[in-house]
Amino acid sequence: MLTTFVVAMLMSFGTIGEGEEMVVGQTTEFHTSLIADPGHDFYGLQIAVRRDRPCQVRAFFRGASPRTAQFCTRRMTRRQLAGAGTATLSAEERVNGIAACFTDDERVGAVRLYTFADEAATAEAGDCVTEYRTVWCQRGWTVQGVQLYFDRAAVGPGQASLVGLRPLCVNSA
């Protein structure tokens, strides 16, 4: 039901980034999307880590409440959230590209948000051993959210890890 709603909402915005070339990292069957409502631009991301695994991502939207994707097996503690990596852009900037680098365990180590004006902000979640791989929206389009891929469900022992993401691009005209 929620997936159907998200897909319908994305299609009402216009075409989104499709295909494997728009994914940074890997895709899995354990995924969710965090996307802005119309009129609320995406401007930031926070990645919280439990046991060296990035398992919670919070997206920030101008004029709207943050949205959270939690694949941790339990709630995050205040201390864990205080140590979360956060990337936010200024009010006048629009996100046009997303990059990520990966740890030696193939988990997301950091996510960087870019503008076409070369502004950037980085949310760190671990020690990167790879170069950043960047995916850009086409000119005239902006990132209005992200599709997040985790290596497992948020149940049972252990923690899930963020292993990939896809920017959700919309026509900003």
Protein backbone atom coordinates (compact mmCIF):
# COMPACT_ATOMS: atom_id res chain seq x y z
CA MET A 1 0.00 0.00 0.00
CA LEU A 2 2.72 2.48 1.02
CA THR A 3 4.88 1.45 -1.95
CA THR A 4 1.94 2.02 -4.31
CA PHE A 5 1.40 5.47 -2.80
CA VAL A 6 5.09 6.40 -3.15
CA VAL A 7 5.22 5.21 -6.77
CA ALA A 8 2.03 7.14 -7.61
CA MET A 9 3.46 10.24 -5.92
CA LEU A 10 6.76 9.92 -7.80
CA MET A 11 5.01 9.57 -11.11
CA SER A 12 2.99 12.71 -10.41
CA PHE A 13 6.28 14.63 -10.03
CA GLY A 14 7.57 13.47 -13.41
CA THR A 15 10.16 10.93 -14.43
CA ILE A 16 12.55 9.76 -11.74
CA GLY A 17 16.07 8.39 -12.06
CA GLU A 18 15.79 4.88 -13.38
CA GLY A 19 18.20 2.12 -14.22
CA GLU A 20 21.23 0.74 -12.48
CA GLU A 21 23.37 3.69 -13.61
CA MET A 22 21.44 5.87 -11.12
CA VAL A 23 22.28 3.59 -8.15
CA VAL A 24 25.32 4.20 -5.99
CA GLY A 25 26.25 0.89 -4.36
CA GLN A 26 24.03 -2.14 -4.63
CA THR A 27 20.30 -2.76 -4.82
CA THR A 28 18.56 -5.28 -2.58
CA GLU A 29 15.03 -6.42 -1.84
CA PHE A 30 15.19 -4.47 1.46
CA HIS A 31 14.56 -0.89 0.45
CA THR A 32 12.48 2.17 1.20
CA SER A 33 12.12 5.70 -0.15
CA LEU A 34 12.22 9.05 1.59
CA ILE A 35 10.76 11.72 -0.68
CA ALA A 36 9.54 15.29 -0.34
CA ASP A 37 5.92 16.31 -0.68
CA PRO A 38 5.29 18.87 -3.43
CA GLY A 39 6.73 22.27 -2.47
CA HIS A 40 9.17 20.92 0.15
CA ASP A 41 12.72 20.65 -1.22
CA PHE A 42 15.11 17.94 -0.04
CA TYR A 43 18.15 19.58 1.57
CA GLY A 44 19.84 17.18 3.97
CA LEU A 45 20.57 13.69 5.17
CA GLN A 46 21.60 12.15 8.48
CA ILE A 47 23.08 8.64 8.87
CA ALA A 48 23.08 6.98 12.28
CA VAL A 49 25.28 3.98 13.01
CA ARG A 50 24.85 1.10 15.46
CA ARG A 51 27.67 -1.45 15.90
CA ASP A 52 29.58 0.01 12.92
CA ARG A 53 26.54 -0.43 10.67
CA PRO A 54 24.67 2.51 9.13
CA CYS A 55 21.10 1.40 9.84
CA GLN A 56 19.07 4.61 10.14
CA VAL A 57 18.77 7.42 7.59
CA ARG A 58 16.83 10.62 8.13
CA ALA A 59 16.03 12.96 5.23
CA PHE A 60 15.33 16.67 5.75
CA PHE A 61 12.88 18.73 3.69
CA ARG A 62 12.33 22.51 3.78
CA GLY A 63 9.07 23.37 5.53
CA ALA A 64 8.27 19.75 6.42
CA SER A 65 9.12 17.24 9.12
CA PRO A 66 12.09 14.92 8.57
CA ARG A 67 11.38 11.38 7.40
CA THR A 68 13.24 8.39 8.75
CA ALA A 69 14.10 4.97 7.39
CA GLN A 70 15.14 2.73 10.27
CA PHE A 71 16.49 -0.74 9.60
CA CYS A 72 18.05 -1.04 13.08
CA THR A 73 16.73 -3.92 15.19
CA ARG A 74 16.00 -1.55 18.10
CA ARG A 75 15.48 2.16 18.60
CA MET A 76 18.53 4.37 18.33
CA THR A 77 19.79 5.86 21.59
CA ARG A 78 20.29 9.58 22.13
CA ARG A 79 24.05 9.01 22.21
CA GLN A 80 23.99 7.16 18.87
CA LEU A 81 21.93 9.93 17.29
CA ALA A 82 24.30 12.58 18.68
CA GLY A 83 27.15 10.87 16.80
CA ALA A 84 25.24 10.59 13.52
CA GLY A 85 26.79 12.03 10.38
CA THR A 86 24.77 14.93 8.96
CA ALA A 87 24.94 16.72 5.60
CA THR A 88 22.78 19.79 5.05
CA LEU A 89 22.82 22.45 2.37
CA SER A 90 21.86 26.10 2.84
CA ALA A 91 18.32 27.35 2.23
CA GLU A 92 18.93 28.67 -1.26
CA GLU A 93 20.72 25.53 -2.53
CA ARG A 94 19.04 22.61 -4.30
CA VAL A 95 20.47 19.08 -4.31
CA ASN A 96 21.38 18.02 -7.86
CA GLY A 97 23.60 15.02 -7.23
CA ILE A 98 24.46 12.41 -4.63
CA ALA A 99 27.72 10.56 -4.08
CA ALA A 100 28.74 7.76 -1.73
CA CYS A 101 31.89 5.94 -0.76
CA PHE A 102 32.07 2.53 0.88
CA THR A 103 33.79 0.77 3.77
CA ASP A 104 35.84 -2.41 3.44
CA ASP A 105 32.63 -4.33 4.31
CA GLU A 106 30.84 -2.74 1.31
CA ARG A 107 28.63 -0.60 3.55
CA VAL A 108 28.01 3.08 2.90
CA GLY A 109 30.82 4.97 4.60
CA ALA A 110 29.68 8.49 3.67
CA VAL A 111 27.10 10.26 1.55
CA ARG A 112 27.77 13.59 -0.12
CA LEU A 113 25.08 15.94 -1.46
CA TYR A 114 26.03 18.21 -4.39
CA THR A 115 24.58 21.24 -6.14
CA PHE A 116 25.32 22.27 -9.73
CA ALA A 117 27.02 25.34 -8.17
CA ASP A 118 29.69 23.01 -6.67
CA GLU A 119 28.42 23.28 -3.10
CA ALA A 120 28.70 20.02 -1.16
CA ALA A 121 27.89 18.60 2.26
CA THR A 122 28.96 15.19 3.60
CA ALA A 123 27.37 12.83 6.14
CA GLU A 124 29.99 10.40 7.43
CA ALA A 125 29.04 6.95 8.68
CA GLY A 126 32.30 4.98 8.57
CA ASP A 127 35.81 4.78 7.16
CA CYS A 128 35.73 4.85 3.36
CA VAL A 129 38.15 2.68 1.39
CA THR A 130 36.71 3.55 -2.02
CA GLU A 131 36.50 6.74 -4.02
CA TYR A 132 33.17 8.58 -4.11
CA ARG A 133 30.84 7.57 -6.92
CA THR A 134 28.51 10.39 -7.97
CA VAL A 135 25.13 10.27 -9.66
CA TRP A 136 23.70 13.52 -11.07
CA CYS A 137 20.18 14.50 -12.00
CA GLN A 138 19.97 15.93 -15.50
CA ARG A 139 20.03 19.73 -15.89
CA GLY A 140 16.73 21.30 -14.84
CA TRP A 141 16.03 18.46 -12.39
CA THR A 142 16.67 18.24 -8.63
CA VAL A 143 16.91 15.48 -6.06
CA GLN A 144 13.68 15.37 -4.07
CA GLY A 145 14.49 12.27 -2.05
CA VAL A 146 16.39 9.01 -1.95
CA GLN A 147 15.67 5.34 -2.33
CA LEU A 148 17.72 3.44 0.25
CA TYR A 149 18.91 -0.17 0.03
CA PHE A 150 19.82 -2.23 3.11
CA ASP A 151 21.51 -5.64 3.23
CA ARG A 152 18.78 -7.25 5.35
CA ALA A 153 15.45 -6.71 7.06
CA ALA A 154 15.21 -4.94 10.41
CA VAL A 155 14.40 -8.12 12.34
CA GLY A 156 16.32 -10.77 14.24
CA PRO A 157 19.81 -10.57 15.68
CA GLY A 158 22.35 -8.22 14.22
CA GLN A 159 21.90 -4.96 12.39
CA ALA A 160 21.08 -4.14 8.82
CA SER A 161 23.48 -1.91 6.89
CA LEU A 162 22.95 0.73 4.25
CA VAL A 163 24.58 -0.68 1.10
CA GLY A 164 23.21 1.51 -1.68
CA LEU A 165 21.08 4.50 -2.62
CA ARG A 166 19.41 6.11 -5.60
CA PRO A 167 18.59 9.81 -5.92
CA LEU A 168 14.97 10.45 -6.85
CA CYS A 169 15.14 13.22 -9.44
CA VAL A 170 12.20 15.40 -10.41
CA ASN A 171 11.76 18.10 -13.02
CA SER A 172 12.15 21.39 -11.16
CA ALA A 173 10.55 23.48 -13.92
